[in-house]
Amino acid sequence: MPQKIIRVGSRESPLAVIQARIVMDAIHKTDPALDVRLVTMKTTGDRLANAKLSLFGGKGLFVKELDRALLTGEVDLTVHSYKDMPMDTDPALPVVAVSERADPRDVLVLPAHADAAVPTTSLAWGCSSARRACQLQALFPGIQIEPVRGNVQTRLAKLDGGGYASLVLAAAGLLRAGLKNRISRYFSTREILPAACQGILAVQARQGTDLSFLRTFHAPDVWDAAIAERAFVRALGGGCGTPVAAFAVVDGGALRLEGLFLHEQTGELWRGTRTGPRADAADIGTSLAETAQRETR
């Protein structure tokens, strides 16, 4: 009997490949008889390395080619950083599994061989996230922030080349890439609330696919947290350039969601929490978003 082949689609960036291999390793441990193969591709978002993504379609630019490959059967699964996925996905390509959550925090990265523990130059801090930028400005009034694009290695090269005083990045990506030594400071989630689903890997597949080989990979607690976080962002119309953050924690049968929203017309930075049964994760997210909208009018 021929060996069953599972083709896993991924962006071709080094971090994306590492993340795809995390899923591939879990599949192989569950069913060693499967032939699990990696298929990489460059996405539109990767090609627009120096563009402002919100002007060209936002987060969907990083999944369009992967979605097409999944629909046509070129691959059987695709792996994404869940925080980088659009809020609305094709019903024919559902998210079918999520990973355990890696460290959800944001971190400060200084140039290689920097002596100080904080940026000391007059250069700008490199940060392309509106969510991070508004919280950094609140923590460090007066700092200059400029966008920085590219994969992790490209951004670090720009930093070390003298283009920025520091970078603010997701801890999860650096840790998965084996770059823990580049982290100078971890920001608590109180200091900088993470992006929805930061630290979570998402697996997409065609509707109706037999996914029994993912049973030991999937994390139910993280799934419910992700539902709440994405519901909050979706209800606020959150996208690539919208200053919005969400972070949920599941404890037994309860879920606590914290959300942050910058009303761009008034400049008010709103933050609030909502707790309820984890079975109501989507409603908790939507309800908290409605409160944010009501209190920032």
Protein backbone atom coordinates (compact mmCIF):
# COMPACT_ATOMS: atom_id res chain seq x y z
CA MET A 1 0.00 0.00 0.00
CA PRO A 2 1.52 3.40 -0.98
CA GLN A 3 2.49 5.76 1.83
CA LYS A 4 0.05 8.63 2.33
CA ILE A 5 1.59 12.02 1.55
CA ILE A 6 0.69 15.19 3.51
CA ARG A 7 1.96 18.36 1.83
CA VAL A 8 2.32 21.33 4.17
CA GLY A 9 2.33 24.80 2.62
CA SER A 10 4.33 27.68 4.09
CA ARG A 11 5.79 31.05 3.26
CA GLU A 12 9.45 30.64 2.40
CA SER A 13 10.83 32.95 5.12
CA PRO A 14 13.10 31.20 7.65
CA LEU A 15 10.68 31.74 10.54
CA ALA A 16 7.69 30.51 8.53
CA VAL A 17 9.59 27.34 7.64
CA ILE A 18 10.49 26.75 11.30
CA GLN A 19 6.83 27.14 12.24
CA ALA A 20 5.68 24.77 9.48
CA ARG A 21 8.18 22.17 10.69
CA ILE A 22 6.72 22.39 14.21
CA VAL A 23 3.41 21.22 12.76
CA MET A 24 5.11 18.64 10.53
CA ASP A 25 6.98 17.15 13.50
CA ALA A 26 3.72 16.88 15.48
CA ILE A 27 2.01 15.11 12.58
CA HIS A 28 4.87 12.65 12.19
CA LYS A 29 4.89 11.86 15.92
CA THR A 30 1.16 11.15 15.78
CA ASP A 31 1.44 8.94 12.69
CA PRO A 32 5.03 7.99 11.71
CA ALA A 33 3.72 6.20 8.64
CA LEU A 34 2.76 9.49 6.97
CA ASP A 35 5.10 11.08 4.42
CA VAL A 36 5.00 14.76 5.45
CA ARG A 37 6.48 17.15 2.91
CA LEU A 38 7.12 20.91 2.98
CA VAL A 39 6.04 23.16 0.08
CA THR A 40 7.22 26.78 0.33
CA MET A 41 6.19 29.81 -1.69
CA LYS A 42 6.70 33.56 -1.77
CA THR A 43 3.54 35.55 -1.03
CA THR A 44 2.50 38.97 -2.28
CA GLY A 45 3.21 40.37 1.18
CA ASP A 46 6.78 39.06 0.96
CA ARG A 47 7.26 40.69 -2.46
CA LEU A 48 6.01 44.05 -1.15
CA ALA A 49 8.87 44.11 1.33
CA ASN A 50 8.99 47.90 1.74
CA ALA A 51 5.35 48.84 1.14
CA LYS A 52 2.69 49.88 3.63
CA LEU A 53 0.56 46.73 3.61
CA SER A 54 -2.70 48.47 4.55
CA LEU A 55 -2.58 50.24 1.16
CA PHE A 56 -2.48 46.94 -0.74
CA GLY A 57 -4.86 44.66 1.12
CA GLY A 58 -3.42 44.18 4.62
CA LYS A 59 -2.81 40.80 6.17
CA GLY A 60 -4.47 38.94 3.30
CA LEU A 61 -1.32 39.58 1.25
CA PHE A 62 0.49 36.91 3.28
CA VAL A 63 -2.08 34.16 2.73
CA LYS A 64 -3.43 34.67 -0.81
CA GLU A 65 -0.98 32.36 -2.57
CA LEU A 66 -1.19 29.77 0.19
CA ASP A 67 -5.00 29.80 0.03
CA ARG A 68 -4.86 29.28 -3.72
CA ALA A 69 -2.48 26.33 -3.35
CA LEU A 70 -4.78 24.79 -0.74
CA LEU A 71 -7.90 25.24 -2.89
CA THR A 72 -6.27 23.69 -5.96
CA GLY A 73 -4.86 20.74 -4.04
CA GLU A 74 -1.22 21.70 -4.45
CA VAL A 75 -0.93 21.41 -0.67
CA ASP A 76 -3.05 19.67 1.97
CA LEU A 77 -2.43 22.02 4.90
CA THR A 78 -1.07 25.52 5.38
CA VAL A 79 0.59 26.91 8.50
CA HIS A 80 0.37 30.54 9.58
CA SER A 81 1.17 32.81 12.48
CA TYR A 82 -2.44 33.24 13.56
CA LYS A 83 -1.94 36.92 14.37
CA ASP A 84 -1.08 37.55 10.71
CA MET A 85 -4.25 35.99 9.30
CA PRO A 86 -7.15 38.17 8.11
CA MET A 87 -10.19 38.31 10.36
CA ASP A 88 -12.38 36.90 7.59
CA THR A 89 -11.29 33.63 5.99
CA ASP A 90 -12.71 31.48 3.19
CA PRO A 91 -15.31 29.06 4.67
CA ALA A 92 -13.93 26.41 2.31
CA LEU A 93 -10.54 26.75 4.06
CA PRO A 94 -11.26 26.71 7.81
CA VAL A 95 -8.68 26.94 10.54
CA VAL A 96 -8.72 23.37 11.82
CA ALA A 97 -6.12 23.38 14.58
CA VAL A 98 -4.04 25.73 16.71
CA SER A 99 -0.79 25.22 18.58
CA GLU A 100 -0.03 25.70 22.22
CA ARG A 101 0.71 29.37 22.68
CA ALA A 102 4.34 30.45 22.73
CA ASP A 103 5.34 33.48 24.80
CA PRO A 104 2.74 36.13 23.82
CA ARG A 105 4.74 39.15 24.91
CA ASP A 106 6.47 41.83 22.86
CA VAL A 107 10.17 42.46 23.39
CA LEU A 108 12.81 45.13 22.98
CA VAL A 109 15.77 44.30 20.75
CA LEU A 110 18.93 46.43 20.76
CA PRO A 111 21.74 46.51 18.20
CA ALA A 112 24.24 43.68 18.49
CA HIS A 113 26.93 44.37 21.10
CA ALA A 114 25.01 47.32 22.57
CA ASP A 115 26.32 48.23 26.02
CA ALA A 116 23.19 49.79 27.51
CA ALA A 117 19.98 47.98 28.46
CA VAL A 118 17.84 50.64 26.76
CA PRO A 119 18.18 52.62 23.50
CA THR A 120 20.53 55.56 24.04
CA THR A 121 20.78 57.12 20.60
CA SER A 122 18.58 59.69 18.91
CA LEU A 123 17.62 57.18 16.22
CA ALA A 124 14.03 56.01 15.85
CA TRP A 125 12.64 52.83 17.31
CA GLY A 126 11.73 50.38 14.53
CA CYS A 127 8.11 49.31 14.76
CA SER A 128 5.55 48.78 11.98
CA SER A 129 2.62 47.90 14.25
CA ALA A 130 0.15 50.65 15.10
CA ARG A 131 -0.84 48.57 18.13
CA ARG A 132 2.71 48.54 19.48
CA ALA A 133 3.40 52.16 18.51
CA CYS A 134 0.52 53.69 20.47
CA GLN A 135 1.43 51.68 23.59
CA LEU A 136 5.13 52.49 23.26
CA GLN A 137 4.32 56.20 23.01
CA ALA A 138 2.36 55.91 26.25
CA LEU A 139 5.26 54.11 27.97
CA PHE A 140 8.03 56.32 26.58
CA PRO A 141 6.61 59.75 25.71
CA GLY A 142 8.61 61.60 23.09
CA ILE A 143 10.28 58.64 21.38
CA GLN A 144 10.42 58.59 17.60
CA ILE A 145 8.96 55.51 15.92
CA GLU A 146 9.49 54.57 12.28
CA PRO A 147 8.21 51.54 10.36
CA VAL A 148 10.50 48.62 9.58
CA ARG A 149 9.55 45.78 7.21
CA GLY A 150 11.01 42.43 6.25
CA ASN A 151 11.45 39.08 7.94
CA VAL A 152 13.13 38.80 11.33
CA GLN A 153 16.64 38.45 9.91
CA THR A 154 16.14 41.45 7.60
CA ARG A 155 14.91 43.63 10.44
CA LEU A 156 17.82 42.63 12.66
CA ALA A 157 20.25 43.46 9.85
CA LYS A 158 18.71 46.93 9.52
CA LEU A 159 19.01 47.42 13.28
CA ASP A 160 22.60 46.23 13.46
CA GLY A 161 23.45 48.35 10.42
CA GLY A 162 22.64 51.49 12.37
CA GLY A 163 19.23 52.23 10.91
CA TYR A 164 17.35 52.15 14.21
CA ALA A 165 17.96 52.60 17.93
CA SER A 166 15.97 49.44 18.68
CA LEU A 167 13.24 47.15 17.43
CA VAL A 168 10.08 45.98 19.16
CA LEU A 169 9.10 42.48 18.02
CA ALA A 170 7.08 39.47 19.14
CA ALA A 171 8.94 37.23 21.58
CA ALA A 172 7.49 34.09 19.99
CA GLY A 173 9.14 34.63 16.62
CA LEU A 174 12.57 35.30 18.09
CA LEU A 175 12.34 32.32 20.44
CA ARG A 176 11.24 29.95 17.67
CA ALA A 177 14.08 31.22 15.48
CA GLY A 178 16.65 30.53 18.19
CA LEU A 179 17.33 34.23 18.76
CA LYS A 180 16.59 34.50 22.47
CA ASN A 181 20.00 36.12 22.96
CA ARG A 182 18.80 39.19 21.00
CA ILE A 183 16.06 39.99 23.50
CA SER A 184 17.00 42.89 25.80
CA ARG A 185 13.70 43.30 27.61
CA TYR A 186 10.33 41.57 27.80
CA PHE A 187 7.34 43.92 28.02
CA SER A 188 4.62 42.61 30.31
CA THR A 189 1.16 42.26 28.81
CA ARG A 190 0.19 45.14 31.10
CA GLU A 191 2.81 47.36 29.44
CA ILE A 192 2.06 46.26 25.87
CA LEU A 193 -1.04 44.19 25.25
CA PRO A 194 -0.32 41.64 22.49
CA ALA A 195 -1.94 41.35 19.10
CA ALA A 196 -4.84 38.93 18.91
CA CYS A 197 -3.45 35.39 18.66
CA GLN A 198 0.17 36.44 19.07
CA GLY A 199 2.29 33.34 19.71
CA ILE A 200 -0.26 30.94 18.19
CA LEU A 201 0.22 28.86 15.03
CA ALA A 202 -2.88 28.15 12.94
CA VAL A 203 -3.38 25.27 10.53
CA GLN A 204 -5.78 25.60 7.61
CA ALA A 205 -7.18 22.77 5.49
CA ARG A 206 -9.90 22.18 2.92
CA GLN A 207 -13.36 21.68 4.37
CA GLY A 208 -14.04 18.00 5.00
CA THR A 209 -10.41 16.84 5.15
CA ASP A 210 -9.60 13.93 7.50
CA LEU A 211 -7.41 15.57 10.12
CA SER A 212 -6.99 12.80 12.69
CA PHE A 213 -3.22 13.22 12.42
CA LEU A 214 -3.54 16.66 14.09
CA ARG A 215 -5.25 15.36 17.24
CA THR A 216 -2.17 15.63 19.46
CA PHE A 217 -1.16 19.02 18.05
CA HIS A 218 -4.42 20.89 18.59
CA ALA A 219 -4.74 22.94 21.83
CA PRO A 220 -8.41 23.40 22.90
CA ASP A 221 -7.69 26.08 25.55
CA VAL A 222 -5.79 28.15 23.00
CA TRP A 223 -8.60 27.63 20.47
CA ASP A 224 -11.15 29.25 22.81
CA ALA A 225 -8.78 32.11 23.64
CA ALA A 226 -8.24 32.73 19.93
CA ILE A 227 -11.99 32.79 19.26
CA ALA A 228 -12.48 35.51 21.87
CA GLU A 229 -9.52 37.59 20.71
CA ARG A 230 -10.47 37.47 17.04
CA ALA A 231 -14.12 38.26 17.82
CA PHE A 232 -13.01 41.41 19.64
CA VAL A 233 -10.82 42.59 16.75
CA ARG A 234 -13.40 41.65 14.10
CA ALA A 235 -16.16 43.60 15.85
CA LEU A 236 -13.93 46.69 15.88
CA GLY A 237 -13.13 46.35 12.18
CA GLY A 238 -9.53 45.56 13.08
CA GLY A 239 -7.03 45.03 10.31
CA CYS A 240 -3.41 45.55 9.41
CA GLY A 241 -3.26 49.24 10.37
CA THR A 242 -5.83 49.44 13.17
CA PRO A 243 -4.51 50.03 16.73
CA VAL A 244 -6.29 47.16 18.48
CA ALA A 245 -5.04 44.39 20.79
CA ALA A 246 -6.58 41.42 22.58
CA PHE A 247 -5.31 38.78 24.98
CA ALA A 248 -7.38 36.01 26.55
CA VAL A 249 -6.56 33.47 29.25
CA VAL A 250 -8.56 30.28 29.82
CA ASP A 251 -8.72 28.90 33.36
CA GLY A 252 -10.82 25.76 33.63
CA GLY A 253 -14.29 26.69 32.39
CA ALA A 254 -13.70 30.44 32.55
CA LEU A 255 -12.19 32.85 30.05
CA ARG A 256 -10.83 36.33 30.76
CA LEU A 257 -10.33 38.68 27.81
CA GLU A 258 -8.44 41.96 27.91
CA GLY A 259 -8.79 44.32 24.98
CA LEU A 260 -7.25 47.60 23.86
CA PHE A 261 -8.56 50.01 21.25
CA LEU A 262 -7.30 53.38 20.00
CA HIS A 263 -10.10 55.58 18.73
CA GLU A 264 -8.29 57.26 15.86
CA GLN A 265 -10.63 60.27 15.68
CA THR A 266 -10.47 61.20 19.37
CA GLY A 267 -7.03 59.73 20.14
CA GLU A 268 -8.47 57.99 23.23
CA LEU A 269 -6.69 54.78 24.18
CA TRP A 270 -9.31 52.48 25.70
CA ARG A 271 -8.60 49.32 27.68
CA GLY A 272 -11.00 46.93 29.36
CA THR A 273 -11.67 43.34 30.39
CA ARG A 274 -14.52 40.86 30.26
CA THR A 275 -14.83 37.45 31.93
CA GLY A 276 -17.28 34.65 31.25
CA PRO A 277 -17.70 30.97 30.41
CA ARG A 278 -15.23 29.78 27.80
CA ALA A 279 -18.15 28.33 25.83
CA ASP A 280 -19.19 31.96 25.21
CA ALA A 281 -15.77 33.00 23.86
CA ALA A 282 -17.09 34.70 20.72
CA ASP A 283 -19.80 36.56 22.63
CA ILE A 284 -17.26 37.76 25.21
CA GLY A 285 -15.09 39.21 22.46
CA THR A 286 -17.99 40.90 20.68
CA SER A 287 -19.44 42.28 23.91
CA LEU A 288 -16.10 43.77 24.98
CA ALA A 289 -15.73 45.40 21.57
CA GLU A 290 -19.20 46.92 21.86
CA THR A 291 -18.22 48.37 25.23
CA ALA A 292 -15.06 49.85 23.70
CA GLN A 293 -17.05 51.46 20.91
CA ARG A 294 -19.67 52.83 23.30
CA GLU A 295 -17.14 54.29 25.75
CA THR A 296 -14.95 55.99 23.11
CA ARG A 297 -17.70 57.80 21.20
